[in-house]
Amino acid sequence: MKKPSSKIREEITRLQEQLRQAEAREAERIGRLALKAGLGDIEIEERALVAALEEVAAQFRKGSGRAARPASAQVAPGAAQGPSGEA
């Protein structure tokens, strides 16, 4: 038996709310990571920042992004780094 349109609308509404919540969680996560990386201190036009982030995303989608460092090699936020960016 087919679902009545009212049930489908209810399901769509429920799924839209789930989508909003998931997007909010993702935005908070990315925001925290961006601040941790120091992006909050950079004065840059939004378009330029979006373009740079799109390039980073493309690198990771292609698999050419750097692999995650082992936990023992991770640098604490604000820690001094050498000229190559490594701690």
Protein backbone atom coordinates (compact mmCIF):
# COMPACT_ATOMS: atom_id res chain seq x y z
CA MET A 1 0.00 0.00 0.00
CA LYS A 2 1.26 3.48 -0.88
CA LYS A 3 1.97 6.08 1.79
CA PRO A 4 -0.44 8.98 1.95
CA SER A 5 1.04 12.34 0.96
CA SER A 6 0.67 13.65 4.53
CA LYS A 7 2.97 10.90 5.82
CA ILE A 8 5.51 11.65 3.10
CA ARG A 9 5.43 15.37 4.01
CA GLU A 10 5.98 14.50 7.68
CA GLU A 11 8.93 12.32 6.74
CA ILE A 12 10.39 15.08 4.55
CA THR A 13 10.05 17.57 7.41
CA ARG A 14 11.75 15.15 9.81
CA LEU A 15 14.58 14.50 7.35
CA GLN A 16 15.06 18.23 6.70
CA GLU A 17 15.47 18.80 10.44
CA GLN A 18 17.99 15.95 10.63
CA LEU A 19 19.88 17.54 7.71
CA ARG A 20 19.93 20.95 9.45
CA GLN A 21 21.29 19.36 12.63
CA ALA A 22 23.95 17.39 10.75
CA GLU A 23 25.05 20.50 8.84
CA ALA A 24 25.26 22.47 12.09
CA ARG A 25 27.46 19.78 13.68
CA GLU A 26 29.70 19.71 10.59
CA ALA A 27 29.96 23.52 10.54
CA GLU A 28 30.93 23.60 14.21
CA ARG A 29 33.57 20.91 13.66
CA ILE A 30 35.08 22.65 10.64
CA GLY A 31 34.92 25.98 12.45
CA ARG A 32 36.80 24.60 15.46
CA LEU A 33 39.44 23.08 13.17
CA ALA A 34 39.79 26.33 11.20
CA LEU A 35 40.32 28.28 14.43
CA LYS A 36 42.80 25.70 15.67
CA ALA A 37 44.72 26.10 12.39
CA GLY A 38 44.81 29.88 12.85
CA LEU A 39 42.35 30.86 10.12
CA GLY A 40 40.49 33.13 12.53
CA ASP A 41 43.47 35.49 12.63
CA ILE A 42 43.82 35.87 8.87
CA GLU A 43 42.22 38.83 7.14
CA ILE A 44 41.11 37.46 3.79
CA GLU A 45 38.12 37.92 1.54
CA GLU A 46 35.54 35.19 1.93
CA ARG A 47 35.73 34.29 -1.78
CA ALA A 48 39.50 33.78 -1.57
CA LEU A 49 39.18 31.63 1.55
CA VAL A 50 36.41 29.53 0.01
CA ALA A 51 38.54 29.01 -3.12
CA ALA A 52 41.52 27.92 -1.01
CA LEU A 53 39.36 25.53 1.02
CA GLU A 54 37.88 24.09 -2.19
CA GLU A 55 41.43 23.36 -3.38
CA VAL A 56 42.22 21.59 -0.11
CA ALA A 57 39.01 19.56 -0.37
CA ALA A 58 39.86 18.61 -3.96
CA GLN A 59 43.30 17.38 -2.89
CA PHE A 60 41.79 15.13 -0.24
CA ARG A 61 39.12 13.85 -2.62
CA LYS A 62 41.84 12.87 -5.10
CA GLY A 63 43.77 11.16 -2.33
CA SER A 64 46.77 13.44 -2.76
CA GLY A 65 46.28 15.10 0.62
CA ARG A 66 48.83 14.31 3.30
CA ALA A 67 48.01 11.32 5.43
CA ALA A 68 47.18 12.01 9.04
CA ARG A 69 50.17 12.15 11.34
CA PRO A 70 50.48 9.47 13.98
CA ALA A 71 49.29 10.68 17.39
CA SER A 72 52.88 10.77 18.64
CA ALA A 73 53.83 13.26 15.89
CA GLN A 74 50.90 15.64 16.26
CA VAL A 75 51.64 19.21 17.26
CA ALA A 76 49.66 20.95 19.97
CA PRO A 77 47.87 24.14 18.83
CA GLY A 78 50.14 27.15 19.19
CA ALA A 79 53.28 25.00 19.54
CA ALA A 80 56.42 26.32 17.88
CA GLN A 81 57.11 24.90 14.46
CA GLY A 82 60.28 24.76 12.44
CA PRO A 83 60.75 26.36 8.99
CA SER A 84 59.21 23.37 7.24
CA GLY A 85 56.09 23.56 9.41
CA GLU A 86 57.11 20.50 11.41
CA ALA A 87 57.51 20.61 15.17
